[in-house]
Amino acid sequence: METLGVNWGKVLPIPNFDATKYPEVKKLMDQGAHNHQHHWRMDGSEMAKIFRGSAPAGGGELVTTPQPPDGALFLPGPERPEEFSPGLTPEILELVEQVSKMQ
């Protein structure tokens, strides 16, 4: 992001604490996982053109992977519109149709 003139310290202030005191986090940081930027597009990504240079949290260079990480292939289940947008009740649908005819 620095290539676009973004100052990480102002845009994304990262708290300064020692995450390595947690064993499960230390293991990942020792592997450098905290410096990796992943994308989830199966057709590739140009994210590396933006995310490059030193990692915002410090402690290494930012690595942008050219492919999604192993295990990223995800096949979504069938659509379930009732979970998030159940649609309009017949009464409201009738009002919407009446208003649309007023034009």
PDB file of N, CA and C in Angstrom:
ATOM      1  N   MET A   1       0.827  -1.189   0.000  1.00  0.00           N
ATOM      2  CA  MET A   1       0.000   0.000   0.000  1.00  0.00           C
ATOM      3  C   MET A   1       0.873   1.255   0.000  1.00  0.00           C
ATOM      4  N   GLU A   2       2.089   1.120   0.487  1.00  0.00           N
ATOM      5  CA  GLU A   2       2.967   2.284   0.487  1.00  0.00           C
ATOM      6  C   GLU A   2       3.194   2.807  -0.929  1.00  0.00           C
ATOM      7  N   THR A   3       3.123   1.901  -1.920  1.00  0.00           N
ATOM      8  CA  THR A   3       3.316   2.322  -3.305  1.00  0.00           C
ATOM      9  C   THR A   3       2.224   3.267  -3.762  1.00  0.00           C
ATOM     10  N   LEU A   4       1.076   3.235  -3.070  1.00  0.00           N
ATOM     11  CA  LEU A   4      -0.025   4.145  -3.377  1.00  0.00           C
ATOM     12  C   LEU A   4      -0.005   5.383  -2.488  1.00  0.00           C
ATOM     13  N   GLY A   5       1.005   5.491  -1.633  1.00  0.00           N
ATOM     14  CA  GLY A   5       1.120   6.634  -0.746  1.00  0.00           C
ATOM     15  C   GLY A   5       0.405   6.458   0.585  1.00  0.00           C
ATOM     16  N   VAL A   6       0.090   5.230   0.950  1.00  0.00           N
ATOM     17  CA  VAL A   6      -0.617   4.979   2.197  1.00  0.00           C
ATOM     18  C   VAL A   6       0.394   4.871   3.337  1.00  0.00           C
ATOM     19  N   ASN A   7       0.131   5.587   4.401  1.00  0.00           N
ATOM     20  CA  ASN A   7       0.954   5.508   5.603  1.00  0.00           C
ATOM     21  C   ASN A   7       0.272   4.545   6.564  1.00  0.00           C
ATOM     22  N   TRP A   8       0.833   3.322   6.691  1.00  0.00           N
ATOM     23  CA  TRP A   8       0.206   2.286   7.520  1.00  0.00           C
ATOM     24  C   TRP A   8      -0.011   2.764   8.949  1.00  0.00           C
ATOM     25  N   GLY A   9       0.914   3.519   9.468  1.00  0.00           N
ATOM     26  CA  GLY A   9       0.816   3.958  10.860  1.00  0.00           C
ATOM     27  C   GLY A   9      -0.408   4.797  11.139  1.00  0.00           C
ATOM     28  N   LYS A  10      -0.861   5.543  10.147  1.00  0.00           N
ATOM     29  CA  LYS A  10      -2.044   6.386  10.332  1.00  0.00           C
ATOM     30  C   LYS A  10      -3.326   5.679   9.907  1.00  0.00           C
ATOM     31  N   VAL A  11      -3.260   4.906   8.823  1.00  0.00           N
ATOM     32  CA  VAL A  11      -4.445   4.247   8.289  1.00  0.00           C
ATOM     33  C   VAL A  11      -4.844   3.038   9.125  1.00  0.00           C
ATOM     34  N   LEU A  12      -3.864   2.267   9.534  1.00  0.00           N
ATOM     35  CA  LEU A  12      -4.119   1.041  10.263  1.00  0.00           C
ATOM     36  C   LEU A  12      -3.179   0.983  11.467  1.00  0.00           C
ATOM     37  N   PRO A  13      -3.512   1.727  12.507  1.00  0.00           N
ATOM     38  CA  PRO A  13      -2.621   1.701  13.673  1.00  0.00           C
ATOM     39  C   PRO A  13      -2.666   0.322  14.325  1.00  0.00           C
ATOM     40  N   ILE A  14      -1.533  -0.322  14.350  1.00  0.00           N
ATOM     41  CA  ILE A  14      -1.448  -1.676  14.885  1.00  0.00           C
ATOM     42  C   ILE A  14      -0.918  -1.596  16.308  1.00  0.00           C
ATOM     43  N   PRO A  15      -1.663  -2.158  17.259  1.00  0.00           N
ATOM     44  CA  PRO A  15      -1.182  -2.132  18.653  1.00  0.00           C
ATOM     45  C   PRO A  15       0.166  -2.823  18.776  1.00  0.00           C
ATOM     46  N   ASN A  16       1.001  -2.274  19.608  1.00  0.00           N
ATOM     47  CA  ASN A  16       2.326  -2.827  19.808  1.00  0.00           C
ATOM     48  C   ASN A  16       2.284  -3.749  21.029  1.00  0.00           C
ATOM     49  N   PHE A  17       2.132  -5.050  20.780  1.00  0.00           N
ATOM     50  CA  PHE A  17       2.140  -6.026  21.867  1.00  0.00           C
ATOM     51  C   PHE A  17       2.871  -7.268  21.396  1.00  0.00           C
ATOM     52  N   ASP A  18       3.300  -8.068  22.329  1.00  0.00           N
ATOM     53  CA  ASP A  18       4.064  -9.261  22.003  1.00  0.00           C
ATOM     54  C   ASP A  18       3.122 -10.441  21.815  1.00  0.00           C
ATOM     55  N   ALA A  19       2.782 -10.729  20.567  1.00  0.00           N
ATOM     56  CA  ALA A  19       1.870 -11.831  20.270  1.00  0.00           C
ATOM     57  C   ALA A  19       2.543 -13.182  20.449  1.00  0.00           C
ATOM     58  N   THR A  20       3.871 -13.192  20.518  1.00  0.00           N
ATOM     59  CA  THR A  20       4.575 -14.469  20.646  1.00  0.00           C
ATOM     60  C   THR A  20       4.424 -15.083  22.031  1.00  0.00           C
ATOM     61  N   LYS A  21       3.835 -14.373  22.970  1.00  0.00           N
ATOM     62  CA  LYS A  21       3.634 -14.964  24.299  1.00  0.00           C
ATOM     63  C   LYS A  21       2.517 -16.007  24.290  1.00  0.00           C
ATOM     64  N   TYR A  22       1.758 -16.068  23.180  1.00  0.00           N
ATOM     65  CA  TYR A  22       0.742 -17.101  23.007  1.00  0.00           C
ATOM     66  C   TYR A  22       1.352 -18.196  22.135  1.00  0.00           C
ATOM     67  N   PRO A  23       1.519 -19.403  22.679  1.00  0.00           N
ATOM     68  CA  PRO A  23       2.232 -20.464  21.938  1.00  0.00           C
ATOM     69  C   PRO A  23       1.655 -20.757  20.556  1.00  0.00           C
ATOM     70  N   GLU A  24       0.328 -20.768  20.431  1.00  0.00           N
ATOM     71  CA  GLU A  24      -0.264 -21.081  19.133  1.00  0.00           C
ATOM     72  C   GLU A  24       0.006 -19.980  18.109  1.00  0.00           C
ATOM     73  N   VAL A  25       0.143 -18.739  18.567  1.00  0.00           N
ATOM     74  CA  VAL A  25       0.452 -17.626  17.671  1.00  0.00           C
ATOM     75  C   VAL A  25       1.943 -17.609  17.354  1.00  0.00           C
ATOM     76  N   LYS A  26       2.762 -17.865  18.354  1.00  0.00           N
ATOM     77  CA  LYS A  26       4.217 -17.876  18.146  1.00  0.00           C
ATOM     78  C   LYS A  26       4.608 -18.879  17.065  1.00  0.00           C
ATOM     79  N   LYS A  27       3.970 -20.047  17.085  1.00  0.00           N
ATOM     80  CA  LYS A  27       4.271 -21.075  16.086  1.00  0.00           C
ATOM     81  C   LYS A  27       4.026 -20.539  14.674  1.00  0.00           C
ATOM     82  N   LEU A  28       2.903 -19.856  14.472  1.00  0.00           N
ATOM     83  CA  LEU A  28       2.583 -19.301  13.152  1.00  0.00           C
ATOM     84  C   LEU A  28       3.518 -18.150  12.790  1.00  0.00           C
ATOM     85  N   MET A  29       3.863 -17.315  13.777  1.00  0.00           N
ATOM     86  CA  MET A  29       4.771 -16.203  13.496  1.00  0.00           C
ATOM     87  C   MET A  29       6.171 -16.707  13.160  1.00  0.00           C
ATOM     88  N   ASP A  30       6.598 -17.784  13.817  1.00  0.00           N
ATOM     89  CA  ASP A  30       7.905 -18.370  13.488  1.00  0.00           C
ATOM     90  C   ASP A  30       7.929 -18.871  12.055  1.00  0.00           C
ATOM     91  N   GLN A  31       6.773 -19.282  11.549  1.00  0.00           N
ATOM     92  CA  GLN A  31       6.663 -19.740  10.158  1.00  0.00           C
ATOM     93  C   GLN A  31       6.515 -18.558   9.190  1.00  0.00           C
ATOM     94  N   GLY A  32       6.312 -17.357   9.721  1.00  0.00           N
ATOM     95  CA  GLY A  32       6.142 -16.169   8.889  1.00  0.00           C
ATOM     96  C   GLY A  32       4.733 -15.990   8.354  1.00  0.00           C
ATOM     97  N   ALA A  33       3.778 -16.724   8.899  1.00  0.00           N
ATOM     98  CA  ALA A  33       2.397 -16.659   8.400  1.00  0.00           C
ATOM     99  C   ALA A  33       1.774 -15.281   8.563  1.00  0.00           C
ATOM    100  N   HIS A  34       2.230 -14.513   9.541  1.00  0.00           N
ATOM    101  CA  HIS A  34       1.659 -13.188   9.770  1.00  0.00           C
ATOM    102  C   HIS A  34       2.056 -12.173   8.693  1.00  0.00           C
ATOM    103  N   ASN A  35       2.991 -12.524   7.854  1.00  0.00           N
ATOM    104  CA  ASN A  35       3.424 -11.631   6.775  1.00  0.00           C
ATOM    105  C   ASN A  35       2.855 -12.021   5.421  1.00  0.00           C
ATOM    106  N   HIS A  36       1.980 -13.012   5.374  1.00  0.00           N
ATOM    107  CA  HIS A  36       1.425 -13.479   4.104  1.00  0.00           C
ATOM    108  C   HIS A  36       0.060 -12.869   3.847  1.00  0.00           C
ATOM    109  N   GLN A  37      -0.122 -12.382   2.642  1.00  0.00           N
ATOM    110  CA  GLN A  37      -1.409 -11.880   2.180  1.00  0.00           C
ATOM    111  C   GLN A  37      -1.955 -12.905   1.196  1.00  0.00           C
ATOM    112  N   HIS A  38      -3.122 -13.451   1.493  1.00  0.00           N
ATOM    113  CA  HIS A  38      -3.736 -14.439   0.612  1.00  0.00           C
ATOM    114  C   HIS A  38      -4.946 -13.830  -0.082  1.00  0.00           C
ATOM    115  N   HIS A  39      -5.249 -14.356  -1.234  1.00  0.00           N
ATOM    116  CA  HIS A  39      -6.487 -13.991  -1.915  1.00  0.00           C
ATOM    117  C   HIS A  39      -7.269 -15.273  -2.123  1.00  0.00           C
ATOM    118  N   TRP A  40      -8.525 -15.144  -2.454  1.00  0.00           N
ATOM    119  CA  TRP A  40      -9.391 -16.318  -2.566  1.00  0.00           C
ATOM    120  C   TRP A  40      -9.966 -16.473  -3.963  1.00  0.00           C
ATOM    121  N   ARG A  41      -9.412 -15.772  -4.921  1.00  0.00           N
ATOM    122  CA  ARG A  41      -9.886 -15.885  -6.302  1.00  0.00           C
ATOM    123  C   ARG A  41      -9.254 -17.104  -6.951  1.00  0.00           C
ATOM    124  N   MET A  42     -10.073 -17.901  -7.582  1.00  0.00           N
ATOM    125  CA  MET A  42      -9.549 -19.090  -8.241  1.00  0.00           C
ATOM    126  C   MET A  42      -8.966 -18.761  -9.614  1.00  0.00           C
ATOM    127  N   ASP A  43      -9.240 -17.558 -10.138  1.00  0.00           N
ATOM    128  CA  ASP A  43      -8.743 -17.181 -11.459  1.00  0.00           C
ATOM    129  C   ASP A  43      -7.522 -16.266 -11.380  1.00  0.00           C
ATOM    130  N   GLY A  44      -6.860 -16.231 -10.239  1.00  0.00           N
ATOM    131  CA  GLY A  44      -5.669 -15.416 -10.090  1.00  0.00           C
ATOM    132  C   GLY A  44      -5.981 -14.047  -9.518  1.00  0.00           C
ATOM    133  N   SER A  45      -4.924 -13.319  -9.193  1.00  0.00           N
ATOM    134  CA  SER A  45      -5.094 -12.013  -8.577  1.00  0.00           C
ATOM    135  C   SER A  45      -3.885 -11.148  -8.888  1.00  0.00           C
ATOM    136  N   GLU A  46      -4.097  -9.850  -8.922  1.00  0.00           N
ATOM    137  CA  GLU A  46      -3.006  -8.900  -9.101  1.00  0.00           C
ATOM    138  C   GLU A  46      -2.749  -8.145  -7.807  1.00  0.00           C
ATOM    139  N   MET A  47      -3.134  -8.749  -6.693  1.00  0.00           N
ATOM    140  CA  MET A  47      -2.996  -8.126  -5.392  1.00  0.00           C
ATOM    141  C   MET A  47      -1.536  -7.800  -5.060  1.00  0.00           C
ATOM    142  N   ALA A  48      -0.591  -8.573  -5.600  1.00  0.00           N
ATOM    143  CA  ALA A  48       0.826  -8.354  -5.302  1.00  0.00           C
ATOM    144  C   ALA A  48       1.318  -7.005  -5.807  1.00  0.00           C
ATOM    145  N   LYS A  49       0.609  -6.399  -6.753  1.00  0.00           N
ATOM    146  CA  LYS A  49       1.007  -5.084  -7.248  1.00  0.00           C
ATOM    147  C   LYS A  49       0.766  -4.009  -6.199  1.00  0.00           C
ATOM    148  N   ILE A  50      -0.167  -4.261  -5.292  1.00  0.00           N
ATOM    149  CA  ILE A  50      -0.497  -3.286  -4.253  1.00  0.00           C
ATOM    150  C   ILE A  50       0.164  -3.648  -2.930  1.00  0.00           C
ATOM    151  N   PHE A  51       0.016  -4.904  -2.516  1.00  0.00           N
ATOM    152  CA  PHE A  51       0.555  -5.331  -1.240  1.00  0.00           C
ATOM    153  C   PHE A  51       1.966  -5.862  -1.429  1.00  0.00           C
ATOM    154  N   ARG A  52       2.947  -5.029  -1.139  1.00  0.00           N
ATOM    155  CA  ARG A  52       4.348  -5.424  -1.226  1.00  0.00           C
ATOM    156  C   ARG A  52       5.160  -4.520  -0.314  1.00  0.00           C
ATOM    157  N   GLY A  53       6.371  -4.947  -0.027  1.00  0.00           N
ATOM    158  CA  GLY A  53       7.223  -4.163   0.866  1.00  0.00           C
ATOM    159  C   GLY A  53       7.213  -4.741   2.267  1.00  0.00           C
ATOM    160  N   SER A  54       7.508  -3.891   3.241  1.00  0.00           N
ATOM    161  CA  SER A  54       7.559  -4.378   4.619  1.00  0.00           C
ATOM    162  C   SER A  54       6.149  -4.591   5.153  1.00  0.00           C
ATOM    163  N   ALA A  55       6.023  -5.597   6.002  1.00  0.00           N
ATOM    164  CA  ALA A  55       4.722  -5.932   6.579  1.00  0.00           C
ATOM    165  C   ALA A  55       4.283  -4.819   7.528  1.00  0.00           C
ATOM    166  N   PRO A  56       2.980  -4.519   7.579  1.00  0.00           N
ATOM    167  CA  PRO A  56       2.499  -3.427   8.425  1.00  0.00           C
ATOM    168  C   PRO A  56       2.810  -3.632   9.902  1.00  0.00           C
ATOM    169  N   ALA A  57       2.851  -4.869  10.364  1.00  0.00           N
ATOM    170  CA  ALA A  57       3.138  -5.124  11.770  1.00  0.00           C
ATOM    171  C   ALA A  57       4.638  -5.166  12.038  1.00  0.00           C
ATOM    172  N   GLY A  58       5.434  -4.996  10.998  1.00  0.00           N
ATOM    173  CA  GLY A  58       6.879  -5.081  11.157  1.00  0.00           C
ATOM    174  C   GLY A  58       7.327  -6.525  11.207  1.00  0.00           C
ATOM    175  N   GLY A  59       8.610  -6.712  11.279  1.00  0.00           N
ATOM    176  CA  GLY A  59       9.124  -8.061  11.418  1.00  0.00           C
ATOM    177  C   GLY A  59       9.233  -8.836  10.134  1.00  0.00           C
ATOM    178  N   GLY A  60       9.401  -8.179   9.013  1.00  0.00           N
ATOM    179  CA  GLY A  60       9.609  -8.918   7.778  1.00  0.00           C
ATOM    180  C   GLY A  60       8.965  -8.276   6.580  1.00  0.00           C
ATOM    181  N   GLU A  61       9.201  -8.930   5.460  1.00  0.00           N
ATOM    182  CA  GLU A  61       8.643  -8.470   4.191  1.00  0.00           C
ATOM    183  C   GLU A  61       7.273  -9.096   3.970  1.00  0.00           C
ATOM    184  N   LEU A  62       6.398  -8.344   3.382  1.00  0.00           N
ATOM    185  CA  LEU A  62       5.065  -8.827   3.062  1.00  0.00           C
ATOM    186  C   LEU A  62       5.143  -9.760   1.861  1.00  0.00           C
ATOM    187  N   VAL A  63       4.487 -10.909   1.959  1.00  0.00           N
ATOM    188  CA  VAL A  63       4.476 -11.894   0.889  1.00  0.00           C
ATOM    189  C   VAL A  63       3.042 -12.037   0.404  1.00  0.00           C
ATOM    190  N   THR A  64       2.825 -11.788  -0.876  1.00  0.00           N
ATOM    191  CA  THR A  64       1.505 -11.956  -1.464  1.00  0.00           C
ATOM    192  C   THR A  64       1.542 -13.205  -2.329  1.00  0.00           C
ATOM    193  N   THR A  65       0.700 -14.156  -2.013  1.00  0.00           N
ATOM    194  CA  THR A  65       0.727 -15.434  -2.715  1.00  0.00           C
ATOM    195  C   THR A  65       0.063 -15.306  -4.083  1.00  0.00           C
ATOM    196  N   PRO A  66       0.636 -15.965  -5.105  1.00  0.00           N
ATOM    197  CA  PRO A  66       0.043 -15.893  -6.440  1.00  0.00           C
ATOM    198  C   PRO A  66      -1.220 -16.745  -6.577  1.00  0.00           C
ATOM    199  N   GLN A  67      -1.401 -17.708  -5.685  1.00  0.00           N
ATOM    200  CA  GLN A  67      -2.558 -18.596  -5.704  1.00  0.00           C
ATOM    201  C   GLN A  67      -3.184 -18.615  -4.314  1.00  0.00           C
ATOM    202  N   PRO A  68      -4.445 -18.978  -4.213  1.00  0.00           N
ATOM    203  CA  PRO A  68      -5.039 -19.149  -2.885  1.00  0.00           C
ATOM    204  C   PRO A  68      -4.288 -20.239  -2.118  1.00  0.00           C
ATOM    205  N   PRO A  69      -4.319 -20.198  -0.785  1.00  0.00           N
ATOM    206  CA  PRO A  69      -3.617 -21.224  -0.018  1.00  0.00           C
ATOM    207  C   PRO A  69      -4.249 -22.604  -0.212  1.00  0.00           C
ATOM    208  N   ASP A  70      -3.492 -23.638   0.108  1.00  0.00           N
ATOM    209  CA  ASP A  70      -4.015 -25.003   0.012  1.00  0.00           C
ATOM    210  C   ASP A  70      -5.299 -25.130   0.813  1.00  0.00           C
ATOM    211  N   GLY A  71      -6.240 -25.826   0.252  1.00  0.00           N
ATOM    212  CA  GLY A  71      -7.514 -26.018   0.932  1.00  0.00           C
ATOM    213  C   GLY A  71      -8.496 -24.884   0.713  1.00  0.00           C
ATOM    214  N   ALA A  72      -8.166 -23.936  -0.164  1.00  0.00           N
ATOM    215  CA  ALA A  72      -9.031 -22.773  -0.356  1.00  0.00           C
ATOM    216  C   ALA A  72     -10.227 -23.050  -1.255  1.00  0.00           C
ATOM    217  N   LEU A  73     -10.177 -24.128  -2.029  1.00  0.00           N
ATOM    218  CA  LEU A  73     -11.301 -24.409  -2.909  1.00  0.00           C
ATOM    219  C   LEU A  73     -12.554 -24.604  -2.068  1.00  0.00           C
ATOM    220  N   PHE A  74     -13.539 -23.800  -2.327  1.00  0.00           N
ATOM    221  CA  PHE A  74     -14.761 -23.825  -1.538  1.00  0.00           C
ATOM    222  C   PHE A  74     -15.940 -23.863  -2.495  1.00  0.00           C
ATOM    223  N   LEU A  75     -16.762 -24.851  -2.344  1.00  0.00           N
ATOM    224  CA  LEU A  75     -17.958 -24.951  -3.165  1.00  0.00           C
ATOM    225  C   LEU A  75     -19.149 -24.558  -2.311  1.00  0.00           C
ATOM    226  N   PRO A  76     -19.746 -23.409  -2.590  1.00  0.00           N
ATOM    227  CA  PRO A  76     -20.858 -22.964  -1.758  1.00  0.00           C
ATOM    228  C   PRO A  76     -22.047 -23.899  -1.868  1.00  0.00           C
ATOM    229  N   GLY A  77     -22.819 -23.955  -0.818  1.00  0.00           N
ATOM    230  CA  GLY A  77     -24.012 -24.787  -0.798  1.00  0.00           C
ATOM    231  C   GLY A  77     -25.119 -24.140  -1.617  1.00  0.00           C
ATOM    232  N   PRO A  78     -26.270 -24.774  -1.664  1.00  0.00           N
ATOM    233  CA  PRO A  78     -27.382 -24.211  -2.427  1.00  0.00           C
ATOM    234  C   PRO A  78     -27.863 -22.895  -1.813  1.00  0.00           C
ATOM    235  N   GLU A  79     -28.392 -22.039  -2.657  1.00  0.00           N
ATOM    236  CA  GLU A  79     -28.890 -20.748  -2.196  1.00  0.00           C
ATOM    237  C   GLU A  79     -30.041 -20.947  -1.216  1.00  0.00           C
ATOM    238  N   ARG A  80     -30.010 -20.158  -0.152  1.00  0.00           N
ATOM    239  CA  ARG A  80     -31.079 -20.209   0.845  1.00  0.00           C
ATOM    240  C   ARG A  80     -31.525 -18.789   1.132  1.00  0.00           C
ATOM    241  N   PRO A  81     -32.268 -18.192   0.228  1.00  0.00           N
ATOM    242  CA  PRO A  81     -32.642 -16.780   0.392  1.00  0.00           C
ATOM    243  C   PRO A  81     -33.461 -16.520   1.650  1.00  0.00           C
ATOM    244  N   GLU A  82     -34.163 -17.518   2.163  1.00  0.00           N
ATOM    245  CA  GLU A  82     -34.981 -17.275   3.347  1.00  0.00           C
ATOM    246  C   GLU A  82     -34.142 -16.954   4.580  1.00  0.00           C
ATOM    247  N   GLU A  83     -32.861 -17.289   4.556  1.00  0.00           N
ATOM    248  CA  GLU A  83     -32.015 -17.000   5.703  1.00  0.00           C
ATOM    249  C   GLU A  83     -31.713 -15.516   5.834  1.00  0.00           C
ATOM    250  N   PHE A  84     -31.558 -14.830   4.724  1.00  0.00           N
ATOM    251  CA  PHE A  84     -31.106 -13.453   4.786  1.00  0.00           C
ATOM    252  C   PHE A  84     -32.101 -12.446   4.223  1.00  0.00           C
ATOM    253  N   SER A  85     -32.880 -12.843   3.256  1.00  0.00           N
ATOM    254  CA  SER A  85     -33.877 -11.934   2.698  1.00  0.00           C
ATOM    255  C   SER A  85     -35.113 -12.734   2.335  1.00  0.00           C
ATOM    256  N   PRO A  86     -36.031 -12.823   3.257  1.00  0.00           N
ATOM    257  CA  PRO A  86     -37.186 -13.687   3.030  1.00  0.00           C
ATOM    258  C   PRO A  86     -38.147 -13.173   1.969  1.00  0.00           C
ATOM    259  N   GLY A  87     -37.894 -11.995   1.444  1.00  0.00           N
ATOM    260  CA  GLY A  87     -38.783 -11.459   0.418  1.00  0.00           C
ATOM    261  C   GLY A  87     -39.876 -10.601   1.028  1.00  0.00           C
ATOM    262  N   LEU A  88     -40.757 -10.152   0.182  1.00  0.00           N
ATOM    263  CA  LEU A  88     -41.835  -9.277   0.617  1.00  0.00           C
ATOM    264  C   LEU A  88     -43.091 -10.092   0.915  1.00  0.00           C
ATOM    265  N   THR A  89     -43.818  -9.626   1.887  1.00  0.00           N
ATOM    266  CA  THR A  89     -45.111 -10.258   2.149  1.00  0.00           C
ATOM    267  C   THR A  89     -46.040  -9.890   0.999  1.00  0.00           C
ATOM    268  N   PRO A  90     -47.079 -10.667   0.751  1.00  0.00           N
ATOM    269  CA  PRO A  90     -47.996 -10.344  -0.348  1.00  0.00           C
ATOM    270  C   PRO A  90     -48.578  -8.930  -0.240  1.00  0.00           C
ATOM    271  N   GLU A  91     -48.839  -8.483   0.976  1.00  0.00           N
ATOM    272  CA  GLU A  91     -49.412  -7.138   1.160  1.00  0.00           C
ATOM    273  C   GLU A  91     -48.422  -6.050   0.730  1.00  0.00           C
ATOM    274  N   ILE A  92     -47.170  -6.194   1.147  1.00  0.00           N
ATOM    275  CA  ILE A  92     -46.169  -5.182   0.785  1.00  0.00           C
ATOM    276  C   ILE A  92     -45.865  -5.242  -0.701  1.00  0.00           C
ATOM    277  N   LEU A  93     -45.827  -6.433  -1.269  1.00  0.00           N
ATOM    278  CA  LEU A  93     -45.600  -6.580  -2.701  1.00  0.00           C
ATOM    279  C   LEU A  93     -46.697  -5.867  -3.487  1.00  0.00           C
ATOM    280  N   GLU A  94     -47.926  -5.975  -3.044  1.00  0.00           N
ATOM    281  CA  GLU A  94     -49.040  -5.296  -3.710  1.00  0.00           C
ATOM    282  C   GLU A  94     -48.869  -3.789  -3.639  1.00  0.00           C
ATOM    283  N   LEU A  95     -48.434  -3.273  -2.481  1.00  0.00           N
ATOM    284  CA  LEU A  95     -48.190  -1.829  -2.355  1.00  0.00           C
ATOM    285  C   LEU A  95     -47.070  -1.377  -3.288  1.00  0.00           C
ATOM    286  N   VAL A  96     -46.011  -2.162  -3.377  1.00  0.00           N
ATOM    287  CA  VAL A  96     -44.895  -1.812  -4.257  1.00  0.00           C
ATOM    288  C   VAL A  96     -45.370  -1.748  -5.708  1.00  0.00           C
ATOM    289  N   GLU A  97     -46.164  -2.708  -6.102  1.00  0.00           N
ATOM    290  CA  GLU A  97     -46.682  -2.729  -7.488  1.00  0.00           C
ATOM    291  C   GLU A  97     -47.573  -1.529  -7.732  1.00  0.00           C
ATOM    292  N   GLN A  98     -48.409  -1.141  -6.772  1.00  0.00           N
ATOM    293  CA  GLN A  98     -49.277   0.018  -6.920  1.00  0.00           C
ATOM    294  C   GLN A  98     -48.457   1.303  -7.065  1.00  0.00           C
ATOM    295  N   VAL A  99     -47.422   1.429  -6.255  1.00  0.00           N
ATOM    296  CA  VAL A  99     -46.584   2.638  -6.307  1.00  0.00           C
ATOM    297  C   VAL A  99     -45.828   2.697  -7.615  1.00  0.00           C
ATOM    298  N   SER A 100     -45.356   1.560  -8.115  1.00  0.00           N
ATOM    299  CA  SER A 100     -44.613   1.563  -9.369  1.00  0.00           C
ATOM    300  C   SER A 100     -45.494   1.968 -10.549  1.00  0.00           C
ATOM    301  N   LYS A 101     -46.795   1.761 -10.455  1.00  0.00           N
ATOM    302  CA  LYS A 101     -47.734   2.127 -11.529  1.00  0.00           C
ATOM    303  C   LYS A 101     -48.086   3.609 -11.471  1.00  0.00           C
ATOM    304  N   MET A 102     -47.733   4.301 -10.406  1.00  0.00           N
ATOM    305  CA  MET A 102     -48.094   5.721 -10.239  1.00  0.00           C
ATOM    306  C   MET A 102     -47.237   6.627 -11.109  1.00  0.00           C
ATOM    307  N   GLN A 103     -46.195   6.153 -11.665  1.00  0.00           N
ATOM    308  CA  GLN A 103     -45.292   6.976 -12.475  1.00  0.00           C
ATOM    309  C   GLN A 103     -45.988   7.558 -13.615  1.00  0.00           C
TER     310      GLN A 103
END
